Amino acid sequence: MNLILYKSAVCPQCKVIKAKLEKKGFTFTEELDVNVMTANGVNHIPTLSVDGELITDLRTINKWINEHEVEANG
């Protein structure tokens, strides 16, 4: 699973989502570059990209985190 968290360094909601992802043990990439965000269709933060599918609504991001577990390797 490829996760990218599009965020800002000063966004309080972004910090909460990042902490939740880390607490559950997800491996993800953080993207702060506005040019990269707009090139990928991101116009709202936080946005979570799950295998290329963008989740922009804060409630939906939280729901996704709560409903998913880290995939076991092997």
Protein backbone atom coordinates (compact mmCIF):
# COMPACT_ATOMS: atom_id res chain seq x y z
CA MET A 1 0.00 0.00 0.00
CA ASN A 2 1.36 3.37 -1.00
CA LEU A 3 0.35 6.18 1.38
CA ILE A 4 1.18 9.85 0.90
CA LEU A 5 0.12 12.49 3.40
CA TYR A 6 -0.14 15.89 1.74
CA LYS A 7 0.22 18.44 4.52
CA SER A 8 1.52 21.72 5.81
CA ALA A 9 4.06 22.10 8.59
CA VAL A 10 1.71 24.42 10.49
CA CYS A 11 -1.65 22.70 9.95
CA PRO A 12 -3.01 21.33 13.26
CA GLN A 13 -5.28 18.79 11.53
CA CYS A 14 -2.29 17.55 9.52
CA LYS A 15 -0.36 16.96 12.73
CA VAL A 16 -3.24 14.92 14.17
CA ILE A 17 -3.53 12.76 11.05
CA LYS A 18 0.23 12.22 10.95
CA ALA A 19 0.23 11.15 14.61
CA LYS A 20 -2.65 8.70 14.02
CA LEU A 21 -0.88 7.14 11.03
CA GLU A 22 2.32 6.78 13.04
CA LYS A 23 0.49 5.34 16.08
CA LYS A 24 -1.05 2.61 13.92
CA GLY A 25 2.35 1.86 12.39
CA PHE A 26 1.65 2.91 8.81
CA THR A 27 4.57 3.68 6.55
CA PHE A 28 3.85 6.82 4.56
CA THR A 29 5.49 9.66 2.70
CA GLU A 30 4.94 13.25 3.74
CA GLU A 31 4.60 15.81 0.97
CA LEU A 32 4.93 19.50 1.77
CA ASP A 33 5.69 20.90 -1.69
CA VAL A 34 2.73 22.91 -2.99
CA ASN A 35 3.84 22.43 -6.61
CA VAL A 36 3.82 18.65 -6.18
CA MET A 37 0.43 18.82 -4.47
CA THR A 38 -1.23 20.82 -7.23
CA ALA A 39 0.37 18.64 -9.91
CA ASN A 40 -1.30 15.64 -8.22
CA GLY A 41 -4.70 17.31 -7.93
CA VAL A 42 -4.46 18.17 -4.23
CA ASN A 43 -6.13 21.44 -3.30
CA HIS A 44 -6.93 20.78 0.36
CA ILE A 45 -4.86 19.70 3.35
CA PRO A 46 -4.65 17.29 4.91
CA THR A 47 -5.15 14.92 2.01
CA LEU A 48 -4.28 11.26 2.20
CA SER A 49 -3.43 9.42 -0.98
CA VAL A 50 -4.03 5.68 -0.75
CA ASP A 51 -2.58 3.95 -3.80
CA GLY A 52 -3.33 7.09 -5.80
CA GLU A 53 -6.89 7.60 -4.51
CA LEU A 54 -7.21 10.96 -2.77
CA ILE A 55 -9.12 11.26 0.50
CA THR A 56 -9.64 14.93 1.35
CA ASP A 57 -12.38 14.98 3.97
CA LEU A 58 -10.99 14.95 7.53
CA ARG A 59 -13.74 12.61 8.79
CA THR A 60 -13.15 10.22 5.91
CA ILE A 61 -9.40 10.20 6.54
CA ASN A 62 -9.99 9.42 10.22
CA LYS A 63 -12.47 6.68 9.28
CA TRP A 64 -9.98 5.16 6.84
CA ILE A 65 -7.24 5.10 9.50
CA ASN A 66 -9.57 3.56 12.07
CA GLU A 67 -10.78 0.85 9.66
CA HIS A 68 -7.39 -0.25 8.29
CA GLU A 69 -4.42 -2.06 9.73
CA VAL A 70 -0.81 -2.22 8.63
CA GLU A 71 -0.37 -5.02 6.11
CA ALA A 72 1.88 -7.83 7.28
CA ASN A 73 4.96 -8.49 5.16
CA GLY A 74 5.50 -11.93 3.87
